[in-house]
Amino acid sequence: VYPSGAGSTSPSGSSWYNAGTQVQISATANSGYQFASWSGSGSSSYTGTSNPVTITMNSPVNETAIFNIEVIVQNAFGGSASASYNGQTYYSNTTFVVPYGSQVTFTASANQGYFFDKWVGTQSSTSNPLTLTITQPTTEIAEFGFYITFSASGLGSNAQGTVLSVNGQSYTYSQLPVTIAVNYGQSVSYSFNSPIYASTNGVRYAWISTTGLDNKQSDTFTPTQSGYITGNYVTQYALIMSVYPSGAGSTSPSGSSWYNAGTQVQI
C-alpha cells in the first residue's frame, strides 16, 4: 500500500499461484484515507481504478494500492476558512482528498470586528495563509479573536483614580473607553471600582450595573464574540450632620452619609 499505513489489501503481502490462476484483489482504506488506484507491474498486472479487480496470473505481478489522503478545512465563530489545491478552492466545513505529498494552502478570512488568531488541528500555526505538504490525514481549523470595548457611563470628568481594571491593567476615566483584543478561548478578568471619588468634595460615584457582554461588577469569563462591556454609575452626594455646640443634642441621620443624586432625605 502507498502511503504506508493508509489501508490494507486482500490478499496481503506475498503469495504464490499456479500459472493461469485468476485472483481477485481488493483494497480497503483506513480512516482518513480513500482508495485511488492500483499501480501494477508485470505482463498480467492491472493498473487502474477498479476495486476489487481480477487478475490472471500469467507472470510475476506486483500490485500497489494507492490511497489519497483526506483533508478537512473548518472555522470557528468569527470568520471563514478555505483550502486551495490544484486550482480548486474548498470552503469551510469541507472534506476533500489529495495524493500523498500534495501541497495545500489554507486561508482564513475574519469577519468585521474579528481578527485571525491561529490554525489548530493537525498543525498549529499563526501563518495566514498556511501551506502544508500533506503526508497524513489533515484537519485545519481557523480560530478567530475579537475586540471588546470597555467603558463607563454616569461618571463626570472629575472622577479620580482607577475606574476599571482589565487583565491586571488599570484605567482612569480619561483613558476610557478602551478596546482590547481577545484571542479565541481566552478568558478576560475585569473589575469596576466603586465608589469612585471626585475631585470636588462631597461628590462620588457608585457602580449600579454592568451592561453588554456581562452583567457583574467584577468577573472572569470567556467571551465568545465581540461587543462592549459598560459599567454604569450613579452620582452620590455627602450629607454631613453636626451639632453646635458640641454635645448639645443629636441629629437624625447623624454623622456622614452618602445618597444618590435626587434622593429626598428627612433630617
C-alpha atoms as a PDB file:
ATOM      1  CA  VAL A   1       0.000   0.000   0.000  1.00  0.00           C
ATOM      2  CA  TYR A   2       1.064   3.605  -0.581  1.00  0.00           C
ATOM      3  CA  PRO A   3       1.477   5.577   1.548  1.00  0.00           C
ATOM      4  CA  SER A   4       2.398   3.136   4.302  1.00  0.00           C
ATOM      5  CA  GLY A   5      -0.412   2.651   6.803  1.00  0.00           C
ATOM      6  CA  ALA A   6      -3.079   4.069   4.507  1.00  0.00           C
ATOM      7  CA  GLY A   7      -5.022   0.831   4.222  1.00  0.00           C
ATOM      8  CA  SER A   8      -4.839  -2.881   3.534  1.00  0.00           C
ATOM      9  CA  THR A   9      -5.054  -5.311   0.621  1.00  0.00           C
ATOM     10  CA  SER A  10      -6.579  -8.713   0.125  1.00  0.00           C
ATOM     11  CA  PRO A  11      -4.597 -10.850  -0.362  1.00  0.00           C
ATOM     12  CA  SER A  12      -1.803  -9.102   1.508  1.00  0.00           C
ATOM     13  CA  GLY A  13       1.966  -9.458   1.327  1.00  0.00           C
ATOM     14  CA  SER A  14       3.429 -12.110  -0.996  1.00  0.00           C
ATOM     15  CA  SER A  15       1.547 -15.118  -2.374  1.00  0.00           C
ATOM     16  CA  TRP A  16       2.288 -17.834  -4.946  1.00  0.00           C
ATOM     17  CA  TYR A  17      -0.245 -19.031  -7.544  1.00  0.00           C
ATOM     18  CA  ASN A  18      -0.238 -21.583 -10.316  1.00  0.00           C
ATOM     19  CA  ALA A  19       0.044 -20.159 -13.804  1.00  0.00           C
ATOM     20  CA  GLY A  20      -3.375 -19.176 -15.164  1.00  0.00           C
ATOM     21  CA  THR A  21      -4.984 -18.766 -11.755  1.00  0.00           C
ATOM     22  CA  GLN A  22      -7.482 -15.932 -11.508  1.00  0.00           C
ATOM     23  CA  VAL A  23      -7.073 -13.904  -8.333  1.00  0.00           C
ATOM     24  CA  GLN A  24      -9.407 -11.177  -7.080  1.00  0.00           C
ATOM     25  CA  ILE A  25      -7.523  -8.351  -5.405  1.00  0.00           C
ATOM     26  CA  SER A  26      -9.129  -5.617  -3.293  1.00  0.00           C
ATOM     27  CA  ALA A  27      -8.026  -2.643  -1.243  1.00  0.00           C
ATOM     28  CA  THR A  28      -9.601  -1.220   1.924  1.00  0.00           C
ATOM     29  CA  ALA A  29      -8.805   2.292   3.147  1.00  0.00           C
ATOM     30  CA  ASN A  30      -8.098   3.145   6.765  1.00  0.00           C
ATOM     31  CA  SER A  31      -9.795   6.109   8.408  1.00  0.00           C
ATOM     32  CA  GLY A  32      -8.627   9.366   6.868  1.00  0.00           C
ATOM     33  CA  TYR A  33      -7.718   7.793   3.518  1.00  0.00           C
ATOM     34  CA  GLN A  34      -9.519   6.934   0.272  1.00  0.00           C
ATOM     35  CA  PHE A  35      -8.608   4.326  -2.321  1.00  0.00           C
ATOM     36  CA  ALA A  36      -7.398   5.953  -5.537  1.00  0.00           C
ATOM     37  CA  SER A  37      -5.953   3.324  -7.891  1.00  0.00           C
ATOM     38  CA  TRP A  38      -3.807   0.251  -8.487  1.00  0.00           C
ATOM     39  CA  SER A  39      -0.311   0.531  -9.876  1.00  0.00           C
ATOM     40  CA  GLY A  40       0.798  -2.801 -11.313  1.00  0.00           C
ATOM     41  CA  SER A  41       3.962  -4.228 -12.852  1.00  0.00           C
ATOM     42  CA  GLY A  42       4.210  -7.485 -14.761  1.00  0.00           C
ATOM     43  CA  SER A  43       2.661  -8.522 -18.065  1.00  0.00           C
ATOM     44  CA  SER A  44      -0.555  -9.723 -16.415  1.00  0.00           C
ATOM     45  CA  SER A  45      -0.814  -6.972 -13.817  1.00  0.00           C
ATOM     46  CA  TYR A  46      -3.571  -4.377 -13.523  1.00  0.00           C
ATOM     47  CA  THR A  47      -3.248  -0.594 -13.398  1.00  0.00           C
ATOM     48  CA  GLY A  48      -6.446   1.372 -12.936  1.00  0.00           C
ATOM     49  CA  THR A  49      -9.176   2.470 -10.530  1.00  0.00           C
ATOM     50  CA  SER A  50     -11.382  -0.643 -10.319  1.00  0.00           C
ATOM     51  CA  ASN A  51     -11.692  -2.135  -6.855  1.00  0.00           C
ATOM     52  CA  PRO A  52     -11.988  -5.066  -6.499  1.00  0.00           C
ATOM     53  CA  VAL A  53     -10.470  -6.373  -9.726  1.00  0.00           C
ATOM     54  CA  THR A  54      -9.490  -9.830 -11.014  1.00  0.00           C
ATOM     55  CA  ILE A  55      -6.076 -10.563 -12.484  1.00  0.00           C
ATOM     56  CA  THR A  56      -4.847 -13.728 -14.254  1.00  0.00           C
ATOM     57  CA  MET A  57      -1.500 -14.986 -13.013  1.00  0.00           C
ATOM     58  CA  ASN A  58       0.410 -15.436 -16.264  1.00  0.00           C
ATOM     59  CA  SER A  59       3.567 -13.717 -14.964  1.00  0.00           C
ATOM     60  CA  PRO A  60       5.088 -12.420 -11.754  1.00  0.00           C
ATOM     61  CA  VAL A  61       2.972  -9.487 -10.597  1.00  0.00           C
ATOM     62  CA  ASN A  62       3.467  -6.582  -8.224  1.00  0.00           C
ATOM     63  CA  GLU A  63       0.373  -4.578  -7.287  1.00  0.00           C
ATOM     64  CA  THR A  64       0.415  -1.407  -5.163  1.00  0.00           C
ATOM     65  CA  ALA A  65      -2.826   0.040  -3.786  1.00  0.00           C
ATOM     66  CA  ILE A  66      -2.501   3.826  -3.864  1.00  0.00           C
ATOM     67  CA  PHE A  67      -4.572   5.864  -1.424  1.00  0.00           C
ATOM     68  CA  ASN A  68      -5.390   9.543  -1.349  1.00  0.00           C
ATOM     69  CA  ILE A  69      -5.385  11.441   1.945  1.00  0.00           C
ATOM     70  CA  GLU A  70      -8.375  13.242   3.435  1.00  0.00           C
ATOM     71  CA  VAL A  71      -8.050  16.957   4.180  1.00  0.00           C
ATOM     72  CA  ILE A  72     -10.636  18.855   6.247  1.00  0.00           C
ATOM     73  CA  VAL A  73     -10.885  22.646   6.491  1.00  0.00           C
ATOM     74  CA  GLN A  74     -13.070  24.220   9.189  1.00  0.00           C
ATOM     75  CA  ASN A  75     -13.530  27.502  11.009  1.00  0.00           C
ATOM     76  CA  ALA A  76     -14.579  28.689  14.425  1.00  0.00           C
ATOM     77  CA  PHE A  77     -17.030  31.562  15.001  1.00  0.00           C
ATOM     78  CA  GLY A  78     -15.908  34.931  13.676  1.00  0.00           C
ATOM     79  CA  GLY A  79     -14.785  34.222  10.138  1.00  0.00           C
ATOM     80  CA  SER A  80     -14.394  31.688   7.360  1.00  0.00           C
ATOM     81  CA  ALA A  81     -11.693  29.391   6.037  1.00  0.00           C
ATOM     82  CA  SER A  82     -10.808  27.807   2.722  1.00  0.00           C
ATOM     83  CA  ALA A  83      -8.235  25.428   1.274  1.00  0.00           C
ATOM     84  CA  SER A  84      -6.729  25.560  -2.207  1.00  0.00           C
ATOM     85  CA  TYR A  85      -5.303  22.593  -4.097  1.00  0.00           C
ATOM     86  CA  ASN A  86      -4.511  22.174  -7.776  1.00  0.00           C
ATOM     87  CA  GLY A  87      -6.537  25.245  -8.760  1.00  0.00           C
ATOM     88  CA  GLN A  88      -9.599  24.172  -6.788  1.00  0.00           C
ATOM     89  CA  THR A  89     -10.867  26.022  -3.705  1.00  0.00           C
ATOM     90  CA  TYR A  90     -12.645  24.181  -0.908  1.00  0.00           C
ATOM     91  CA  TYR A  91     -14.582  26.228   1.626  1.00  0.00           C
ATOM     92  CA  SER A  92     -15.260  25.855   5.354  1.00  0.00           C
ATOM     93  CA  ASN A  93     -16.504  22.509   6.692  1.00  0.00           C
ATOM     94  CA  THR A  94     -15.428  20.617   3.576  1.00  0.00           C
ATOM     95  CA  THR A  95     -13.606  17.296   3.262  1.00  0.00           C
ATOM     96  CA  PHE A  96     -11.590  16.508   0.135  1.00  0.00           C
ATOM     97  CA  VAL A  97      -8.784  14.138  -0.829  1.00  0.00           C
ATOM     98  CA  VAL A  98      -5.330  14.716  -2.302  1.00  0.00           C
ATOM     99  CA  PRO A  99      -2.418  12.451  -3.277  1.00  0.00           C
ATOM    100  CA  TYR A 100       0.410  11.916  -0.813  1.00  0.00           C
ATOM    101  CA  GLY A 101       2.895  14.787  -0.839  1.00  0.00           C
ATOM    102  CA  SER A 102       0.473  17.352  -2.270  1.00  0.00           C
ATOM    103  CA  GLN A 103       0.717  20.969  -1.195  1.00  0.00           C
ATOM    104  CA  VAL A 104      -2.478  22.519   0.160  1.00  0.00           C
ATOM    105  CA  THR A 105      -2.818  26.191   1.099  1.00  0.00           C
ATOM    106  CA  PHE A 106      -5.219  27.149   3.896  1.00  0.00           C
ATOM    107  CA  THR A 107      -6.554  30.716   4.095  1.00  0.00           C
ATOM    108  CA  ALA A 108      -8.597  32.350   6.868  1.00  0.00           C
ATOM    109  CA  SER A 109     -10.802  35.439   6.477  1.00  0.00           C
ATOM    110  CA  ALA A 110     -12.043  37.313   9.565  1.00  0.00           C
ATOM    111  CA  ASN A 111     -15.462  38.934   9.801  1.00  0.00           C
ATOM    112  CA  GLN A 112     -15.782  42.601  10.750  1.00  0.00           C
ATOM    113  CA  GLY A 113     -14.892  43.082  14.415  1.00  0.00           C
ATOM    114  CA  TYR A 114     -12.757  39.923  14.469  1.00  0.00           C
ATOM    115  CA  PHE A 115      -9.175  39.027  13.609  1.00  0.00           C
ATOM    116  CA  PHE A 116      -7.426  35.786  12.639  1.00  0.00           C
ATOM    117  CA  ASP A 117      -5.851  34.163  15.703  1.00  0.00           C
ATOM    118  CA  LYS A 118      -4.357  30.813  14.694  1.00  0.00           C
ATOM    119  CA  TRP A 119      -4.780  27.463  12.974  1.00  0.00           C
ATOM    120  CA  VAL A 120      -5.350  24.462  15.211  1.00  0.00           C
ATOM    121  CA  GLY A 121      -5.700  20.818  14.316  1.00  0.00           C
ATOM    122  CA  THR A 122      -3.078  18.604  12.718  1.00  0.00           C
ATOM    123  CA  GLN A 123      -0.641  21.510  12.758  1.00  0.00           C
ATOM    124  CA  SER A 124      -0.860  24.689  14.842  1.00  0.00           C
ATOM    125  CA  SER A 125       0.315  27.884  13.204  1.00  0.00           C
ATOM    126  CA  THR A 126      -0.271  31.632  13.177  1.00  0.00           C
ATOM    127  CA  SER A 127       0.650  31.868   9.482  1.00  0.00           C
ATOM    128  CA  ASN A 128      -2.084  33.017   7.160  1.00  0.00           C
ATOM    129  CA  PRO A 129      -2.153  31.719   4.505  1.00  0.00           C
ATOM    130  CA  LEU A 130      -0.675  28.404   5.638  1.00  0.00           C
ATOM    131  CA  THR A 131       0.805  25.958   3.109  1.00  0.00           C
ATOM    132  CA  LEU A 132       1.234  22.315   4.168  1.00  0.00           C
ATOM    133  CA  THR A 133       2.672  19.270   2.439  1.00  0.00           C
ATOM    134  CA  ILE A 134       0.078  16.575   3.079  1.00  0.00           C
ATOM    135  CA  THR A 135       1.571  13.311   4.348  1.00  0.00           C
ATOM    136  CA  GLN A 136      -1.218  12.257   6.748  1.00  0.00           C
ATOM    137  CA  PRO A 137      -4.939  12.884   7.258  1.00  0.00           C
ATOM    138  CA  THR A 138      -5.112  16.603   7.978  1.00  0.00           C
ATOM    139  CA  THR A 139      -7.660  18.825   9.692  1.00  0.00           C
ATOM    140  CA  GLU A 140      -7.067  22.551  10.000  1.00  0.00           C
ATOM    141  CA  ILE A 141      -9.443  24.831  11.934  1.00  0.00           C
ATOM    142  CA  ALA A 142      -9.211  28.623  11.715  1.00  0.00           C
ATOM    143  CA  GLU A 143      -9.769  30.307  15.061  1.00  0.00           C
ATOM    144  CA  PHE A 144     -10.603  33.998  15.312  1.00  0.00           C
ATOM    145  CA  GLY A 145     -10.162  36.544  18.055  1.00  0.00           C
ATOM    146  CA  PHE A 146     -12.304  39.601  18.600  1.00  0.00           C
ATOM    147  CA  TYR A 147     -12.411  43.029  20.176  1.00  0.00           C
ATOM    148  CA  ILE A 148     -14.183  44.045  23.375  1.00  0.00           C
ATOM    149  CA  THR A 149     -14.667  47.696  24.294  1.00  0.00           C
ATOM    150  CA  PHE A 150     -14.876  48.645  27.971  1.00  0.00           C
ATOM    151  CA  SER A 151     -16.447  51.947  29.000  1.00  0.00           C
ATOM    152  CA  ALA A 152     -18.194  53.633  31.910  1.00  0.00           C
ATOM    153  CA  SER A 153     -21.352  55.754  31.975  1.00  0.00           C
ATOM    154  CA  GLY A 154     -22.562  58.186  34.607  1.00  0.00           C
ATOM    155  CA  LEU A 155     -19.101  59.419  35.590  1.00  0.00           C
ATOM    156  CA  GLY A 156     -18.024  63.027  35.458  1.00  0.00           C
ATOM    157  CA  SER A 157     -14.684  64.328  34.260  1.00  0.00           C
ATOM    158  CA  ASN A 158     -13.852  64.989  37.940  1.00  0.00           C
ATOM    159  CA  ALA A 159     -13.701  61.225  38.681  1.00  0.00           C
ATOM    160  CA  GLN A 160     -10.350  60.415  40.234  1.00  0.00           C
ATOM    161  CA  GLY A 161      -8.170  57.318  40.326  1.00  0.00           C
ATOM    162  CA  THR A 162      -8.736  53.899  38.808  1.00  0.00           C
ATOM    163  CA  VAL A 163     -12.178  53.304  37.363  1.00  0.00           C
ATOM    164  CA  LEU A 164     -11.588  49.954  35.664  1.00  0.00           C
ATOM    165  CA  SER A 165      -9.081  47.108  35.741  1.00  0.00           C
ATOM    166  CA  VAL A 166      -8.854  44.666  32.817  1.00  0.00           C
ATOM    167  CA  ASN A 167      -6.476  41.708  32.926  1.00  0.00           C
ATOM    168  CA  GLY A 168      -4.411  43.457  35.580  1.00  0.00           C
ATOM    169  CA  GLN A 169      -4.190  46.775  33.714  1.00  0.00           C
ATOM    170  CA  SER A 170      -5.719  49.851  35.417  1.00  0.00           C
ATOM    171  CA  TYR A 171      -7.574  52.633  33.576  1.00  0.00           C
ATOM    172  CA  THR A 172      -8.701  56.071  34.689  1.00  0.00           C
ATOM    173  CA  TYR A 173     -11.763  57.945  33.460  1.00  0.00           C
ATOM    174  CA  SER A 174      -9.710  59.845  30.866  1.00  0.00           C
ATOM    175  CA  GLN A 175      -8.430  56.549  29.398  1.00  0.00           C
ATOM    176  CA  LEU A 176     -11.920  55.174  28.716  1.00  0.00           C
ATOM    177  CA  PRO A 177     -13.278  53.738  26.553  1.00  0.00           C
ATOM    178  CA  VAL A 178     -10.582  51.117  25.991  1.00  0.00           C
ATOM    179  CA  THR A 179     -10.682  48.294  23.423  1.00  0.00           C
ATOM    180  CA  ILE A 180      -8.808  45.047  23.977  1.00  0.00           C
ATOM    181  CA  ALA A 181      -8.085  42.137  21.635  1.00  0.00           C
ATOM    182  CA  VAL A 182      -9.194  38.734  22.912  1.00  0.00           C
ATOM    183  CA  ASN A 183      -7.831  35.533  21.389  1.00  0.00           C
ATOM    184  CA  TYR A 184     -10.172  32.614  20.770  1.00  0.00           C
ATOM    185  CA  GLY A 185     -10.846  30.776  24.044  1.00  0.00           C
ATOM    186  CA  GLN A 186      -9.046  33.386  26.159  1.00  0.00           C
ATOM    187  CA  SER A 187     -10.556  34.398  29.499  1.00  0.00           C
ATOM    188  CA  VAL A 188     -10.941  38.053  30.476  1.00  0.00           C
ATOM    189  CA  SER A 189     -10.823  39.458  34.013  1.00  0.00           C
ATOM    190  CA  TYR A 190     -12.266  42.887  34.782  1.00  0.00           C
ATOM    191  CA  SER A 191     -13.412  44.940  37.748  1.00  0.00           C
ATOM    192  CA  PHE A 192     -15.265  48.257  38.002  1.00  0.00           C
ATOM    193  CA  ASN A 193     -14.180  50.153  41.101  1.00  0.00           C
ATOM    194  CA  SER A 194     -16.783  51.561  43.472  1.00  0.00           C
ATOM    195  CA  PRO A 195     -17.060  54.073  44.981  1.00  0.00           C
ATOM    196  CA  ILE A 196     -15.013  56.458  42.861  1.00  0.00           C
ATOM    197  CA  TYR A 197     -14.388  59.826  44.493  1.00  0.00           C
ATOM    198  CA  ALA A 198     -14.490  63.099  42.610  1.00  0.00           C
ATOM    199  CA  SER A 199     -12.062  65.979  42.863  1.00  0.00           C
ATOM    200  CA  THR A 200     -14.990  68.002  44.240  1.00  0.00           C
ATOM    201  CA  ASN A 201     -15.501  67.484  47.984  1.00  0.00           C
ATOM    202  CA  GLY A 202     -18.640  65.624  48.917  1.00  0.00           C
ATOM    203  CA  VAL A 203     -19.125  64.048  45.481  1.00  0.00           C
ATOM    204  CA  ARG A 204     -18.523  60.444  44.490  1.00  0.00           C
ATOM    205  CA  TYR A 205     -19.806  57.824  42.042  1.00  0.00           C
ATOM    206  CA  ALA A 206     -21.173  54.363  42.837  1.00  0.00           C
ATOM    207  CA  TRP A 207     -21.450  51.368  40.491  1.00  0.00           C
ATOM    208  CA  ILE A 208     -25.042  50.266  39.929  1.00  0.00           C
ATOM    209  CA  SER A 209     -24.931  47.841  36.967  1.00  0.00           C
ATOM    210  CA  THR A 210     -22.948  46.400  34.066  1.00  0.00           C
ATOM    211  CA  THR A 211     -24.423  46.010  30.598  1.00  0.00           C
ATOM    212  CA  GLY A 212     -23.239  44.344  27.400  1.00  0.00           C
ATOM    213  CA  LEU A 213     -21.446  41.000  27.239  1.00  0.00           C
ATOM    214  CA  ASP A 214     -21.532  40.590  31.035  1.00  0.00           C
ATOM    215  CA  ASN A 215     -23.533  41.940  33.977  1.00  0.00           C
ATOM    216  CA  LYS A 216     -21.258  41.829  37.021  1.00  0.00           C
ATOM    217  CA  GLN A 217     -19.169  44.452  38.771  1.00  0.00           C
ATOM    218  CA  SER A 218     -16.179  42.087  38.724  1.00  0.00           C
ATOM    219  CA  ASP A 219     -15.830  38.854  36.790  1.00  0.00           C
ATOM    220  CA  THR A 220     -13.540  36.443  34.986  1.00  0.00           C
ATOM    221  CA  PHE A 221     -15.223  34.885  31.971  1.00  0.00           C
ATOM    222  CA  THR A 222     -14.516  33.532  28.488  1.00  0.00           C
ATOM    223  CA  PRO A 223     -16.274  35.683  25.890  1.00  0.00           C
ATOM    224  CA  THR A 224     -17.373  34.150  22.599  1.00  0.00           C
ATOM    225  CA  GLN A 225     -17.993  37.245  20.498  1.00  0.00           C
ATOM    226  CA  SER A 226     -17.061  40.857  20.031  1.00  0.00           C
ATOM    227  CA  GLY A 227     -19.008  43.564  21.814  1.00  0.00           C
ATOM    228  CA  TYR A 228     -18.924  46.005  24.701  1.00  0.00           C
ATOM    229  CA  ILE A 229     -18.984  45.969  28.497  1.00  0.00           C
ATOM    230  CA  THR A 230     -20.163  49.166  30.194  1.00  0.00           C
ATOM    231  CA  GLY A 231     -20.089  49.913  33.899  1.00  0.00           C
ATOM    232  CA  ASN A 232     -22.944  52.209  34.886  1.00  0.00           C
ATOM    233  CA  TYR A 233     -22.555  54.638  37.792  1.00  0.00           C
ATOM    234  CA  VAL A 234     -24.791  56.925  39.799  1.00  0.00           C
ATOM    235  CA  THR A 235     -23.682  60.227  41.350  1.00  0.00           C
ATOM    236  CA  GLN A 236     -23.741  60.372  45.139  1.00  0.00           C
ATOM    237  CA  TYR A 237     -23.525  63.383  47.456  1.00  0.00           C
ATOM    238  CA  ALA A 238     -22.377  63.504  51.051  1.00  0.00           C
ATOM    239  CA  LEU A 239     -24.715  64.695  53.828  1.00  0.00           C
ATOM    240  CA  ILE A 240     -22.687  65.754  56.868  1.00  0.00           C
ATOM    241  CA  MET A 241     -24.694  66.353  60.064  1.00  0.00           C
ATOM    242  CA  SER A 242     -23.300  68.094  63.156  1.00  0.00           C
ATOM    243  CA  VAL A 243     -24.497  69.925  66.283  1.00  0.00           C
ATOM    244  CA  TYR A 244     -23.409  73.203  67.857  1.00  0.00           C
ATOM    245  CA  PRO A 245     -22.256  73.477  70.498  1.00  0.00           C
ATOM    246  CA  SER A 246     -20.775  70.012  70.753  1.00  0.00           C
ATOM    247  CA  GLY A 247     -22.859  67.758  72.972  1.00  0.00           C
ATOM    248  CA  ALA A 248     -25.899  69.993  72.826  1.00  0.00           C
ATOM    249  CA  GLY A 249     -28.080  67.438  71.083  1.00  0.00           C
ATOM    250  CA  SER A 250     -28.309  64.907  68.287  1.00  0.00           C
ATOM    251  CA  THR A 251     -29.363  64.673  64.678  1.00  0.00           C
ATOM    252  CA  SER A 252     -31.019  62.033  62.547  1.00  0.00           C
ATOM    253  CA  PRO A 253     -29.308  60.879  60.451  1.00  0.00           C
ATOM    254  CA  SER A 254     -26.083  61.518  62.314  1.00  0.00           C
ATOM    255  CA  GLY A 255     -22.519  61.898  61.134  1.00  0.00           C
ATOM    256  CA  SER A 256     -21.757  61.489  57.414  1.00  0.00           C
ATOM    257  CA  SER A 257     -23.990  59.681  54.916  1.00  0.00           C
ATOM    258  CA  TRP A 258     -23.967  59.279  51.139  1.00  0.00           C
ATOM    259  CA  TYR A 259     -27.105  59.498  48.989  1.00  0.00           C
ATOM    260  CA  ASN A 260     -27.819  59.070  45.304  1.00  0.00           C
ATOM    261  CA  ALA A 261     -28.458  62.319  43.457  1.00  0.00           C
ATOM    262  CA  GLY A 262     -32.111  63.308  43.718  1.00  0.00           C
ATOM    263  CA  THR A 263     -32.773  61.343  46.926  1.00  0.00           C
ATOM    264  CA  GLN A 264     -35.117  63.074  49.402  1.00  0.00           C
ATOM    265  CA  VAL A 265     -33.807  62.850  52.983  1.00  0.00           C
ATOM    266  CA  GLN A 266     -35.690  63.891  56.130  1.00  0.00           C
ATOM    267  CA  ILE A 267     -33.390  65.470  58.742  1.00  0.00           C
END
